[in-house]
Amino acid sequence: MKLSNILNEILTEETITPGTKEYFKKGMSDDEILKLADVLGKYPYSRAKTPPEIQRFFRDVASLLGFPNEPADVMTYDTAGIGRLDKSKIKMKPNSAPLFQMYKDKKLDMKQYGDIQKSLMIKYVQLGKKFIEQLMWSKGWVTR
């Protein structure tokens, strides 16, 4: 059975709307984790409009990757006091990264893991930047 067939049987994309609530729960099955990763990777980050929606979406992605769960945790301020995403603060915690554990347990091969991780990593950075921009805008700072 193909991975895509398993994913389509578990959940439909209509049941998951990132940002409306946190979907990642500890103890999820491997199939549920893969489906959630697939939906989060494909869902446009621009649909998350408010800071709480962005944070919930960010937390789901971060939980799958084992990265810091709060956008402020990967934020740094420059000398002018303007917040920016600091990629050097993005560090994976292997023990709390379910996708990495699936790879280590040989449930995913390197290509599958790389494809899933790449799409989620892009979302993680996009959501972090969007949250920080909104935070700076709300404080009256221009980020660009």
N, C-alpha and C. Protein backbone atom coordinates (compact mmCIF):
# COMPACT_ATOMS: atom_id res chain seq x y z
N MET A 1 0.84 -1.18 0.00
CA MET A 1 0.00 0.00 0.00
C MET A 1 0.89 1.25 0.00
N LYS A 2 0.56 2.21 -0.83
CA LYS A 2 1.36 3.43 -0.95
C LYS A 2 1.09 4.38 0.21
N LEU A 3 2.10 5.18 0.52
CA LEU A 3 1.99 6.15 1.59
C LEU A 3 0.85 7.13 1.33
N SER A 4 0.69 7.57 0.09
CA SER A 4 -0.37 8.53 -0.22
C SER A 4 -1.75 7.92 -0.02
N ASN A 5 -1.91 6.64 -0.28
CA ASN A 5 -3.20 5.98 -0.07
C ASN A 5 -3.53 5.92 1.42
N ILE A 6 -2.53 5.62 2.23
CA ILE A 6 -2.74 5.56 3.68
C ILE A 6 -3.16 6.93 4.20
N LEU A 7 -2.47 7.96 3.74
CA LEU A 7 -2.76 9.31 4.20
C LEU A 7 -4.18 9.73 3.85
N ASN A 8 -4.62 9.41 2.66
CA ASN A 8 -5.95 9.81 2.23
C ASN A 8 -7.04 9.06 2.98
N GLU A 9 -6.76 7.85 3.44
CA GLU A 9 -7.76 7.08 4.17
C GLU A 9 -7.93 7.59 5.60
N ILE A 10 -6.86 8.07 6.21
CA ILE A 10 -6.90 8.45 7.62
C ILE A 10 -7.79 9.67 7.86
N LEU A 11 -7.46 10.76 7.24
CA LEU A 11 -8.18 12.01 7.43
C LEU A 11 -8.36 12.70 6.09
N THR A 12 -9.37 13.51 5.99
CA THR A 12 -9.51 14.32 4.78
C THR A 12 -9.04 15.72 5.11
N GLU A 13 -8.61 16.46 4.10
CA GLU A 13 -8.10 17.82 4.33
C GLU A 13 -9.17 18.73 4.91
N GLU A 14 -10.45 18.40 4.67
CA GLU A 14 -11.52 19.25 5.19
C GLU A 14 -11.61 19.18 6.71
N THR A 15 -11.11 18.11 7.31
CA THR A 15 -11.21 17.99 8.76
C THR A 15 -10.13 18.79 9.48
N ILE A 16 -9.11 19.22 8.77
CA ILE A 16 -8.01 19.97 9.38
C ILE A 16 -7.94 21.36 8.76
N THR A 17 -8.10 22.37 9.60
CA THR A 17 -7.93 23.75 9.16
C THR A 17 -6.90 24.37 10.10
N PRO A 18 -5.62 24.39 9.68
CA PRO A 18 -4.57 24.91 10.55
C PRO A 18 -4.88 26.30 11.07
N GLY A 19 -4.60 26.50 12.34
CA GLY A 19 -4.81 27.80 12.97
C GLY A 19 -6.10 27.87 13.76
N THR A 20 -7.09 27.03 13.44
CA THR A 20 -8.35 27.08 14.17
C THR A 20 -8.21 26.47 15.56
N LYS A 21 -7.36 25.45 15.67
CA LYS A 21 -7.03 24.84 16.95
C LYS A 21 -5.70 24.12 16.77
N GLU A 22 -5.13 23.65 17.87
CA GLU A 22 -3.90 22.88 17.76
C GLU A 22 -4.28 21.43 17.50
N TYR A 23 -3.77 20.90 16.42
CA TYR A 23 -4.12 19.54 16.02
C TYR A 23 -3.13 18.50 16.53
N PHE A 24 -1.89 18.88 16.76
CA PHE A 24 -0.90 17.90 17.20
C PHE A 24 -1.14 17.53 18.65
N LYS A 25 -1.21 16.25 18.90
CA LYS A 25 -1.35 15.71 20.26
C LYS A 25 -0.31 14.64 20.46
N LYS A 26 0.26 14.57 21.64
CA LYS A 26 1.19 13.49 21.95
C LYS A 26 0.41 12.18 21.89
N GLY A 27 1.07 11.17 21.39
CA GLY A 27 0.42 9.86 21.29
C GLY A 27 -0.32 9.63 20.00
N MET A 28 -0.20 10.55 19.04
CA MET A 28 -0.84 10.34 17.74
C MET A 28 -0.17 9.16 17.04
N SER A 29 -0.95 8.47 16.23
CA SER A 29 -0.39 7.35 15.47
C SER A 29 0.50 7.89 14.35
N ASP A 30 1.33 7.04 13.81
CA ASP A 30 2.21 7.45 12.72
C ASP A 30 1.41 7.94 11.52
N ASP A 31 0.32 7.26 11.21
CA ASP A 31 -0.51 7.66 10.07
C ASP A 31 -1.13 9.04 10.30
N GLU A 32 -1.57 9.30 11.52
CA GLU A 32 -2.14 10.61 11.83
C GLU A 32 -1.08 11.70 11.73
N ILE A 33 0.11 11.41 12.18
CA ILE A 33 1.21 12.38 12.11
C ILE A 33 1.55 12.69 10.65
N LEU A 34 1.61 11.65 9.82
CA LEU A 34 1.93 11.86 8.41
C LEU A 34 0.84 12.67 7.70
N LYS A 35 -0.41 12.39 8.01
CA LYS A 35 -1.50 13.14 7.39
C LYS A 35 -1.48 14.59 7.84
N LEU A 36 -1.27 14.82 9.13
CA LEU A 36 -1.19 16.18 9.64
C LEU A 36 -0.03 16.93 8.99
N ALA A 37 1.12 16.28 8.87
CA ALA A 37 2.28 16.89 8.22
C ALA A 37 1.98 17.23 6.77
N ASP A 38 1.28 16.34 6.09
CA ASP A 38 0.92 16.57 4.69
C ASP A 38 0.00 17.79 4.55
N VAL A 39 -1.02 17.86 5.39
CA VAL A 39 -1.96 18.97 5.33
C VAL A 39 -1.28 20.28 5.71
N LEU A 40 -0.49 20.27 6.79
CA LEU A 40 0.19 21.49 7.21
C LEU A 40 1.19 21.98 6.16
N GLY A 41 1.85 21.05 5.49
CA GLY A 41 2.82 21.41 4.46
C GLY A 41 2.18 22.04 3.24
N LYS A 42 0.96 21.63 2.93
CA LYS A 42 0.26 22.15 1.75
C LYS A 42 -0.59 23.38 2.03
N TYR A 43 -0.97 23.59 3.27
CA TYR A 43 -1.88 24.68 3.62
C TYR A 43 -1.17 26.02 3.51
N PRO A 44 -1.76 26.99 2.82
CA PRO A 44 -1.10 28.30 2.67
C PRO A 44 -1.01 29.04 4.01
N TYR A 45 0.19 29.46 4.35
CA TYR A 45 0.39 30.16 5.63
C TYR A 45 -0.35 31.49 5.65
N SER A 46 -0.63 32.06 4.48
CA SER A 46 -1.29 33.36 4.41
C SER A 46 -2.74 33.30 4.88
N ARG A 47 -3.32 32.11 5.00
CA ARG A 47 -4.70 32.00 5.49
C ARG A 47 -4.80 32.23 7.00
N ALA A 48 -3.71 32.07 7.69
CA ALA A 48 -3.69 32.37 9.13
C ALA A 48 -3.52 33.88 9.26
N LYS A 49 -4.55 34.56 9.69
CA LYS A 49 -4.55 36.03 9.70
C LYS A 49 -4.22 36.64 11.05
N THR A 50 -4.84 36.14 12.11
CA THR A 50 -4.66 36.76 13.42
C THR A 50 -3.48 36.13 14.15
N PRO A 51 -2.88 36.86 15.09
CA PRO A 51 -1.76 36.28 15.84
C PRO A 51 -2.08 34.94 16.51
N PRO A 52 -3.28 34.75 17.13
CA PRO A 52 -3.55 33.43 17.71
C PRO A 52 -3.60 32.31 16.66
N GLU A 53 -4.16 32.59 15.49
CA GLU A 53 -4.19 31.58 14.42
C GLU A 53 -2.77 31.24 13.97
N ILE A 54 -1.94 32.25 13.81
CA ILE A 54 -0.56 32.04 13.39
C ILE A 54 0.18 31.21 14.44
N GLN A 55 -0.03 31.54 15.71
CA GLN A 55 0.64 30.81 16.79
C GLN A 55 0.23 29.34 16.83
N ARG A 56 -1.07 29.07 16.68
CA ARG A 56 -1.53 27.67 16.71
C ARG A 56 -0.96 26.89 15.53
N PHE A 57 -0.97 27.47 14.35
CA PHE A 57 -0.41 26.85 13.15
C PHE A 57 1.09 26.61 13.37
N PHE A 58 1.78 27.62 13.88
CA PHE A 58 3.21 27.55 14.16
C PHE A 58 3.52 26.42 15.14
N ARG A 59 2.71 26.32 16.21
CA ARG A 59 2.94 25.28 17.22
C ARG A 59 2.77 23.88 16.64
N ASP A 60 1.77 23.68 15.79
CA ASP A 60 1.57 22.37 15.16
C ASP A 60 2.79 21.98 14.33
N VAL A 61 3.26 22.92 13.51
CA VAL A 61 4.43 22.65 12.67
C VAL A 61 5.66 22.40 13.54
N ALA A 62 5.84 23.24 14.55
CA ALA A 62 7.00 23.11 15.44
C ALA A 62 6.98 21.77 16.18
N SER A 63 5.81 21.34 16.62
CA SER A 63 5.71 20.07 17.34
C SER A 63 6.10 18.89 16.47
N LEU A 64 5.73 18.92 15.21
CA LEU A 64 6.09 17.84 14.30
C LEU A 64 7.59 17.80 14.04
N LEU A 65 8.21 18.97 13.98
CA LEU A 65 9.63 19.06 13.66
C LEU A 65 10.54 18.99 14.89
N GLY A 66 9.98 19.20 16.07
CA GLY A 66 10.80 19.22 17.28
C GLY A 66 11.52 20.54 17.47
N PHE A 67 10.97 21.62 16.94
CA PHE A 67 11.54 22.95 17.04
C PHE A 67 10.88 23.73 18.17
N PRO A 68 11.43 24.91 18.54
CA PRO A 68 10.79 25.74 19.56
C PRO A 68 9.34 26.06 19.18
N ASN A 69 8.43 25.98 20.17
CA ASN A 69 6.99 26.11 19.91
C ASN A 69 6.45 27.53 19.88
N GLU A 70 7.21 28.50 20.26
CA GLU A 70 6.73 29.88 20.28
C GLU A 70 7.53 30.73 19.29
N PRO A 71 6.85 31.54 18.50
CA PRO A 71 7.57 32.41 17.55
C PRO A 71 8.57 33.33 18.25
N ALA A 72 8.25 33.76 19.46
CA ALA A 72 9.17 34.65 20.19
C ALA A 72 10.47 33.94 20.57
N ASP A 73 10.45 32.61 20.64
CA ASP A 73 11.65 31.85 20.98
C ASP A 73 12.70 31.88 19.87
N VAL A 74 12.28 32.16 18.64
CA VAL A 74 13.22 32.20 17.52
C VAL A 74 13.40 33.63 17.01
N MET A 75 13.06 34.57 17.86
CA MET A 75 13.12 35.98 17.49
C MET A 75 14.33 36.63 18.15
N THR A 76 14.93 37.57 17.46
CA THR A 76 16.01 38.36 18.03
C THR A 76 15.79 39.82 17.61
N TYR A 77 16.35 40.70 18.37
CA TYR A 77 16.22 42.13 18.08
C TYR A 77 17.54 42.66 17.56
N ASP A 78 17.47 43.53 16.54
CA ASP A 78 18.69 44.15 16.05
C ASP A 78 18.98 45.40 16.89
N THR A 79 20.00 46.12 16.53
CA THR A 79 20.42 47.28 17.33
C THR A 79 19.38 48.39 17.36
N ALA A 80 18.51 48.44 16.36
CA ALA A 80 17.46 49.46 16.33
C ALA A 80 16.23 49.02 17.10
N GLY A 81 16.24 47.81 17.66
CA GLY A 81 15.10 47.32 18.43
C GLY A 81 14.03 46.66 17.59
N ILE A 82 14.36 46.35 16.36
CA ILE A 82 13.39 45.71 15.47
C ILE A 82 13.59 44.20 15.54
N GLY A 83 12.49 43.49 15.74
CA GLY A 83 12.54 42.03 15.85
C GLY A 83 12.68 41.37 14.50
N ARG A 84 13.46 40.30 14.46
CA ARG A 84 13.67 39.52 13.24
C ARG A 84 13.72 38.05 13.62
N LEU A 85 13.42 37.19 12.65
CA LEU A 85 13.55 35.76 12.84
C LEU A 85 15.04 35.42 12.82
N ASP A 86 15.49 34.70 13.81
CA ASP A 86 16.89 34.32 13.93
C ASP A 86 17.00 32.81 13.67
N LYS A 87 17.46 32.46 12.47
CA LYS A 87 17.53 31.04 12.10
C LYS A 87 18.51 30.26 12.95
N SER A 88 19.46 30.94 13.58
CA SER A 88 20.41 30.24 14.44
C SER A 88 19.74 29.73 15.73
N LYS A 89 18.57 30.25 16.07
CA LYS A 89 17.83 29.81 17.25
C LYS A 89 16.92 28.62 16.96
N ILE A 90 16.82 28.23 15.70
CA ILE A 90 15.97 27.11 15.33
C ILE A 90 16.80 25.83 15.47
N LYS A 91 16.58 25.14 16.56
CA LYS A 91 17.32 23.91 16.83
C LYS A 91 16.33 22.79 17.13
N MET A 92 16.55 21.65 16.50
CA MET A 92 15.65 20.52 16.68
C MET A 92 16.01 19.78 17.97
N LYS A 93 14.97 19.36 18.68
CA LYS A 93 15.12 18.47 19.83
C LYS A 93 14.72 17.08 19.33
N PRO A 94 15.69 16.23 19.01
CA PRO A 94 15.38 14.93 18.39
C PRO A 94 14.40 14.07 19.17
N ASN A 95 14.44 14.15 20.50
CA ASN A 95 13.54 13.32 21.31
C ASN A 95 12.09 13.74 21.22
N SER A 96 11.84 15.00 20.87
CA SER A 96 10.47 15.49 20.78
C SER A 96 10.03 15.76 19.34
N ALA A 97 10.71 15.15 18.38
CA ALA A 97 10.39 15.33 16.96
C ALA A 97 9.81 14.02 16.40
N PRO A 98 8.49 13.92 16.33
CA PRO A 98 7.90 12.66 15.89
C PRO A 98 8.30 12.25 14.47
N LEU A 99 8.45 13.20 13.58
CA LEU A 99 8.85 12.85 12.21
C LEU A 99 10.26 12.29 12.19
N PHE A 100 11.15 12.89 12.96
CA PHE A 100 12.52 12.40 13.03
C PHE A 100 12.56 11.00 13.65
N GLN A 101 11.73 10.79 14.66
CA GLN A 101 11.68 9.47 15.29
C GLN A 101 11.18 8.41 14.30
N MET A 102 10.22 8.79 13.45
CA MET A 102 9.73 7.86 12.43
C MET A 102 10.85 7.52 11.45
N TYR A 103 11.66 8.51 11.12
CA TYR A 103 12.80 8.27 10.23
C TYR A 103 13.82 7.36 10.91
N LYS A 104 14.13 7.64 12.17
CA LYS A 104 15.10 6.83 12.91
C LYS A 104 14.62 5.38 13.08
N ASP A 105 13.30 5.22 13.21
CA ASP A 105 12.72 3.88 13.34
C ASP A 105 12.52 3.19 12.00
N LYS A 106 13.01 3.84 10.93
CA LYS A 106 12.95 3.32 9.56
C LYS A 106 11.52 3.15 9.04
N LYS A 107 10.62 3.99 9.53
CA LYS A 107 9.25 4.02 9.02
C LYS A 107 9.15 4.95 7.82
N LEU A 108 10.14 5.84 7.70
CA LEU A 108 10.26 6.74 6.55
C LEU A 108 11.67 6.60 6.01
N ASP A 109 11.80 6.63 4.69
CA ASP A 109 13.16 6.65 4.14
C ASP A 109 13.63 8.10 4.05
N MET A 110 14.86 8.30 3.70
CA MET A 110 15.47 9.64 3.70
C MET A 110 14.73 10.59 2.75
N LYS A 111 14.33 10.12 1.59
CA LYS A 111 13.63 10.99 0.64
C LYS A 111 12.28 11.43 1.18
N GLN A 112 11.51 10.50 1.73
CA GLN A 112 10.20 10.84 2.29
C GLN A 112 10.35 11.83 3.44
N TYR A 113 11.28 11.53 4.34
CA TYR A 113 11.51 12.42 5.49
C TYR A 113 11.95 13.80 5.01
N GLY A 114 12.86 13.83 4.05
CA GLY A 114 13.35 15.11 3.52
C GLY A 114 12.26 15.94 2.88
N ASP A 115 11.39 15.29 2.10
CA ASP A 115 10.29 16.02 1.45
C ASP A 115 9.33 16.61 2.48
N ILE A 116 8.96 15.80 3.46
CA ILE A 116 8.03 16.26 4.49
C ILE A 116 8.67 17.38 5.32
N GLN A 117 9.92 17.16 5.73
CA GLN A 117 10.59 18.13 6.58
C GLN A 117 10.81 19.45 5.85
N LYS A 118 11.14 19.39 4.57
CA LYS A 118 11.38 20.61 3.80
C LYS A 118 10.12 21.48 3.73
N SER A 119 8.99 20.87 3.41
CA SER A 119 7.76 21.66 3.30
C SER A 119 7.36 22.25 4.65
N LEU A 120 7.54 21.48 5.73
CA LEU A 120 7.21 21.99 7.06
C LEU A 120 8.19 23.06 7.52
N MET A 121 9.45 22.89 7.19
CA MET A 121 10.45 23.89 7.57
C MET A 121 10.16 25.23 6.90
N ILE A 122 9.76 25.19 5.64
CA ILE A 122 9.39 26.42 4.93
C ILE A 122 8.21 27.09 5.63
N LYS A 123 7.19 26.31 6.01
CA LYS A 123 6.03 26.86 6.72
C LYS A 123 6.45 27.45 8.07
N TYR A 124 7.34 26.76 8.76
CA TYR A 124 7.81 27.22 10.07
C TYR A 124 8.43 28.60 9.96
N VAL A 125 9.30 28.77 8.99
CA VAL A 125 9.98 30.06 8.80
C VAL A 125 8.98 31.12 8.35
N GLN A 126 8.08 30.78 7.42
CA GLN A 126 7.10 31.75 6.94
C GLN A 126 6.19 32.23 8.07
N LEU A 127 5.71 31.29 8.87
CA LEU A 127 4.82 31.65 9.99
C LEU A 127 5.56 32.46 11.05
N GLY A 128 6.80 32.10 11.32
CA GLY A 128 7.59 32.86 12.28
C GLY A 128 7.79 34.29 11.83
N LYS A 129 8.14 34.47 10.57
CA LYS A 129 8.33 35.82 10.03
C LYS A 129 7.03 36.62 10.07
N LYS A 130 5.92 35.96 9.70
CA LYS A 130 4.64 36.65 9.67
C LYS A 130 4.24 37.10 11.08
N PHE A 131 4.44 36.23 12.06
CA PHE A 131 4.09 36.59 13.43
C PHE A 131 4.94 37.76 13.91
N ILE A 132 6.23 37.71 13.65
CA ILE A 132 7.14 38.78 14.09
C ILE A 132 6.80 40.09 13.39
N GLU A 133 6.48 40.03 12.10
CA GLU A 133 6.09 41.25 11.39
C GLU A 133 4.84 41.86 12.01
N GLN A 134 3.85 41.02 12.34
CA GLN A 134 2.64 41.55 12.96
C GLN A 134 2.93 42.13 14.34
N LEU A 135 3.81 41.49 15.08
CA LEU A 135 4.18 41.98 16.40
C LEU A 135 4.87 43.34 16.28
N MET A 136 5.79 43.47 15.36
CA MET A 136 6.51 44.74 15.18
C MET A 136 5.56 45.82 14.67
N TRP A 137 4.65 45.44 13.78
CA TRP A 137 3.70 46.41 13.25
C TRP A 137 2.79 46.91 14.37
N SER A 138 2.38 46.01 15.25
CA SER A 138 1.50 46.42 16.35
C SER A 138 2.21 47.36 17.32
N LYS A 139 3.54 47.27 17.38
CA LYS A 139 4.31 48.17 18.24
C LYS A 139 4.70 49.45 17.52
N GLY A 140 4.33 49.56 16.25
CA GLY A 140 4.62 50.76 15.49
C GLY A 140 5.96 50.73 14.78
N TRP A 141 6.61 49.58 14.74
CA TRP A 141 7.90 49.46 14.06
C TRP A 141 7.69 48.97 12.63
N VAL A 142 8.56 49.43 11.76
CA VAL A 142 8.55 48.94 10.37
C VAL A 142 9.64 47.88 10.28
N THR A 143 9.31 46.72 9.72
CA THR A 143 10.28 45.62 9.71
C THR A 143 11.07 45.52 8.41
N ARG A 144 10.74 46.29 7.44
CA ARG A 144 11.47 46.17 6.17
C ARG A 144 12.24 47.42 5.87
